[in-house]
């Protein structure tokens, strides 16, 4: 449960980054955040709860949303490998040495491996 709070923190930081630095797609004003909400089917209410840290525990919907964010920001490549340098640039609170040991992130719930890398 404590580990989930770290992902909550990452989500809050990520949301700030996404709101301020989102690239629009060819569809107009769609942000990465909006794209991932639509792509994963997570409710906007649940995303808001994640951002507010009012959700008790992350479920598969939450992990799929976070996975989509990391993929969209190109922090995870098509083979599931985490780009440690890009991730550290976006989220400096991670432990770099730990990130280097994160296994491939192929499924939504694999993103939970980042829990162990909180500084």
C-alpha atoms as a PDB file:
ATOM      1  CA  UNK A   1       0.000   0.000   0.000  1.00  0.00           C
ATOM      2  CA  UNK A   2       2.835   2.433   0.821  1.00  0.00           C
ATOM      3  CA  UNK A   3       4.341   1.578  -2.534  1.00  0.00           C
ATOM      4  CA  UNK A   4       1.159   2.766  -4.238  1.00  0.00           C
ATOM      5  CA  UNK A   5       1.641   6.210  -2.715  1.00  0.00           C
ATOM      6  CA  UNK A   6       4.877   6.563  -4.649  1.00  0.00           C
ATOM      7  CA  UNK A   7       3.073   5.854  -7.911  1.00  0.00           C
ATOM      8  CA  UNK A   8       0.449   8.378  -6.812  1.00  0.00           C
ATOM      9  CA  UNK A   9       3.216  10.948  -6.412  1.00  0.00           C
ATOM     10  CA  UNK A  10       4.579  10.085  -9.829  1.00  0.00           C
ATOM     11  CA  UNK A  11       1.086  10.424 -11.273  1.00  0.00           C
ATOM     12  CA  UNK A  12       0.629  13.861  -9.722  1.00  0.00           C
ATOM     13  CA  UNK A  13       3.986  15.031 -11.074  1.00  0.00           C
ATOM     14  CA  UNK A  14       3.215  13.405 -14.401  1.00  0.00           C
ATOM     15  CA  UNK A  15      -0.164  15.105 -14.579  1.00  0.00           C
ATOM     16  CA  UNK A  16       1.488  18.466 -14.075  1.00  0.00           C
ATOM     17  CA  UNK A  17       3.977  17.631 -16.828  1.00  0.00           C
ATOM     18  CA  UNK A  18       1.207  16.380 -19.100  1.00  0.00           C
ATOM     19  CA  UNK A  19      -0.948  19.451 -18.591  1.00  0.00           C
ATOM     20  CA  UNK A  20       1.925  21.810 -19.292  1.00  0.00           C
ATOM     21  CA  UNK A  21       3.907  19.951 -21.921  1.00  0.00           C
ATOM     22  CA  UNK A  22       1.480  17.818 -23.839  1.00  0.00           C
ATOM     23  CA  UNK A  23       1.858  17.530 -27.518  1.00  0.00           C
ATOM     24  CA  UNK A  24      -1.336  17.836 -29.487  1.00  0.00           C
ATOM     25  CA  UNK A  25      -2.076  15.001 -31.810  1.00  0.00           C
ATOM     26  CA  UNK A  26      -3.182  15.258 -35.380  1.00  0.00           C
ATOM     27  CA  UNK A  27      -6.732  15.156 -33.988  1.00  0.00           C
ATOM     28  CA  UNK A  28      -6.423  18.644 -32.564  1.00  0.00           C
ATOM     29  CA  UNK A  29      -6.113  19.428 -28.882  1.00  0.00           C
ATOM     30  CA  UNK A  30      -5.903  15.894 -27.500  1.00  0.00           C
ATOM     31  CA  UNK A  31      -3.270  15.664 -24.749  1.00  0.00           C
ATOM     32  CA  UNK A  32      -1.415  12.524 -23.703  1.00  0.00           C
ATOM     33  CA  UNK A  33      -3.570  12.480 -20.579  1.00  0.00           C
ATOM     34  CA  UNK A  34      -6.784  12.684 -22.610  1.00  0.00           C
ATOM     35  CA  UNK A  35      -5.479  10.089 -25.066  1.00  0.00           C
ATOM     36  CA  UNK A  36      -4.658   7.640 -22.259  1.00  0.00           C
ATOM     37  CA  UNK A  37      -8.018   8.153 -20.580  1.00  0.00           C
ATOM     38  CA  UNK A  38      -9.742   7.293 -23.848  1.00  0.00           C
ATOM     39  CA  UNK A  39      -7.289   4.508 -24.757  1.00  0.00           C
ATOM     40  CA  UNK A  40      -7.572   2.686 -21.421  1.00  0.00           C
ATOM     41  CA  UNK A  41     -11.213   3.424 -20.671  1.00  0.00           C
ATOM     42  CA  UNK A  42     -10.414   4.659 -17.177  1.00  0.00           C
ATOM     43  CA  UNK A  43     -12.882   7.197 -15.858  1.00  0.00           C
ATOM     44  CA  UNK A  44     -11.861  10.822 -15.475  1.00  0.00           C
ATOM     45  CA  UNK A  45     -13.116  10.564 -11.897  1.00  0.00           C
ATOM     46  CA  UNK A  46     -10.664   7.738 -11.131  1.00  0.00           C
ATOM     47  CA  UNK A  47      -7.792   9.711 -12.700  1.00  0.00           C
ATOM     48  CA  UNK A  48      -8.759  12.687 -10.549  1.00  0.00           C
ATOM     49  CA  UNK A  49      -8.767  10.432  -7.472  1.00  0.00           C
ATOM     50  CA  UNK A  50      -5.302   9.176  -8.423  1.00  0.00           C
ATOM     51  CA  UNK A  51      -4.050  12.733  -8.829  1.00  0.00           C
ATOM     52  CA  UNK A  52      -5.603  13.764  -5.503  1.00  0.00           C
ATOM     53  CA  UNK A  53      -4.159  10.640  -3.863  1.00  0.00           C
ATOM     54  CA  UNK A  54      -7.639   9.866  -2.542  1.00  0.00           C
ATOM     55  CA  UNK A  55      -7.793   6.395  -4.074  1.00  0.00           C
ATOM     56  CA  UNK A  56      -6.787   3.681  -1.599  1.00  0.00           C
ATOM     57  CA  UNK A  57      -5.118   1.194  -3.914  1.00  0.00           C
ATOM     58  CA  UNK A  58      -4.247   1.135  -7.585  1.00  0.00           C
ATOM     59  CA  UNK A  59      -6.094  -1.436  -9.663  1.00  0.00           C
ATOM     60  CA  UNK A  60      -5.510  -2.697 -13.188  1.00  0.00           C
ATOM     61  CA  UNK A  61      -7.282   0.339 -14.715  1.00  0.00           C
ATOM     62  CA  UNK A  62      -4.875   2.649 -12.876  1.00  0.00           C
ATOM     63  CA  UNK A  63      -1.832   0.627 -13.920  1.00  0.00           C
ATOM     64  CA  UNK A  64      -2.988   0.565 -17.552  1.00  0.00           C
ATOM     65  CA  UNK A  65      -3.424   4.336 -17.468  1.00  0.00           C
ATOM     66  CA  UNK A  66       0.089   4.797 -16.026  1.00  0.00           C
ATOM     67  CA  UNK A  67       1.470   2.327 -18.584  1.00  0.00           C
ATOM     68  CA  UNK A  68      -0.136   4.355 -21.376  1.00  0.00           C
ATOM     69  CA  UNK A  69       1.387   7.563 -19.990  1.00  0.00           C
ATOM     70  CA  UNK A  70       4.881   6.030 -19.886  1.00  0.00           C
ATOM     71  CA  UNK A  71       4.490   4.602 -23.411  1.00  0.00           C
ATOM     72  CA  UNK A  72       3.151   7.908 -24.766  1.00  0.00           C
ATOM     73  CA  UNK A  73       6.008   9.865 -23.204  1.00  0.00           C
ATOM     74  CA  UNK A  74       8.365   7.324 -24.820  1.00  0.00           C
ATOM     75  CA  UNK A  75       9.755   6.314 -21.446  1.00  0.00           C
ATOM     76  CA  UNK A  76       9.116   2.669 -22.381  1.00  0.00           C
ATOM     77  CA  UNK A  77       9.995   1.422 -25.858  1.00  0.00           C
ATOM     78  CA  UNK A  78       8.077  -1.061 -28.015  1.00  0.00           C
ATOM     79  CA  UNK A  79      10.082  -3.940 -26.504  1.00  0.00           C
ATOM     80  CA  UNK A  80       9.121  -2.960 -22.943  1.00  0.00           C
ATOM     81  CA  UNK A  81      12.513  -1.520 -22.004  1.00  0.00           C
ATOM     82  CA  UNK A  82      12.441   1.476 -19.676  1.00  0.00           C
ATOM     83  CA  UNK A  83      14.538   4.441 -20.837  1.00  0.00           C
ATOM     84  CA  UNK A  84      16.260   5.243 -17.557  1.00  0.00           C
ATOM     85  CA  UNK A  85      17.698   8.609 -18.616  1.00  0.00           C
ATOM     86  CA  UNK A  86      14.381   9.932 -19.957  1.00  0.00           C
ATOM     87  CA  UNK A  87      12.555   8.634 -16.902  1.00  0.00           C
ATOM     88  CA  UNK A  88      15.034  10.343 -14.563  1.00  0.00           C
ATOM     89  CA  UNK A  89      14.610  13.575 -16.512  1.00  0.00           C
ATOM     90  CA  UNK A  90      10.808  13.454 -16.179  1.00  0.00           C
ATOM     91  CA  UNK A  91      10.731  11.987 -12.661  1.00  0.00           C
ATOM     92  CA  UNK A  92      13.938  12.868 -10.764  1.00  0.00           C
ATOM     93  CA  UNK A  93      12.642  11.319  -7.529  1.00  0.00           C
ATOM     94  CA  UNK A  94      13.309   7.806  -8.807  1.00  0.00           C
ATOM     95  CA  UNK A  95      16.434   5.909  -7.779  1.00  0.00           C
ATOM     96  CA  UNK A  96      18.477   5.616 -10.983  1.00  0.00           C
ATOM     97  CA  UNK A  97      20.307   2.420 -10.004  1.00  0.00           C
ATOM     98  CA  UNK A  98      17.001   0.758  -9.189  1.00  0.00           C
ATOM     99  CA  UNK A  99      15.485   1.853 -12.524  1.00  0.00           C
ATOM    100  CA  UNK A 100      18.371   0.153 -14.311  1.00  0.00           C
ATOM    101  CA  UNK A 101      17.223  -3.149 -12.777  1.00  0.00           C
ATOM    102  CA  UNK A 102      13.526  -2.841 -13.681  1.00  0.00           C
ATOM    103  CA  UNK A 103      12.455  -5.814 -15.808  1.00  0.00           C
ATOM    104  CA  UNK A 104      10.710  -5.365 -19.144  1.00  0.00           C
ATOM    105  CA  UNK A 105       7.344  -3.636 -18.826  1.00  0.00           C
ATOM    106  CA  UNK A 106       5.085  -5.449 -21.268  1.00  0.00           C
ATOM    107  CA  UNK A 107       1.754  -5.548 -19.422  1.00  0.00           C
ATOM    108  CA  UNK A 108      -0.108  -2.823 -17.578  1.00  0.00           C
ATOM    109  CA  UNK A 109       0.557  -4.278 -14.157  1.00  0.00           C
ATOM    110  CA  UNK A 110       4.300  -4.550 -14.886  1.00  0.00           C
ATOM    111  CA  UNK A 111       4.515  -0.805 -14.230  1.00  0.00           C
ATOM    112  CA  UNK A 112       4.177  -1.673 -10.516  1.00  0.00           C
ATOM    113  CA  UNK A 113       7.879  -2.641 -10.659  1.00  0.00           C
ATOM    114  CA  UNK A 114       8.613   1.082 -10.399  1.00  0.00           C
ATOM    115  CA  UNK A 115       7.298   1.039  -6.809  1.00  0.00           C
ATOM    116  CA  UNK A 116      10.616  -0.372  -5.628  1.00  0.00           C
ATOM    117  CA  UNK A 117      12.525   2.536  -7.157  1.00  0.00           C
ATOM    118  CA  UNK A 118      11.307   5.341  -4.945  1.00  0.00           C
ATOM    119  CA  UNK A 119      14.112   7.392  -3.453  1.00  0.00           C
END
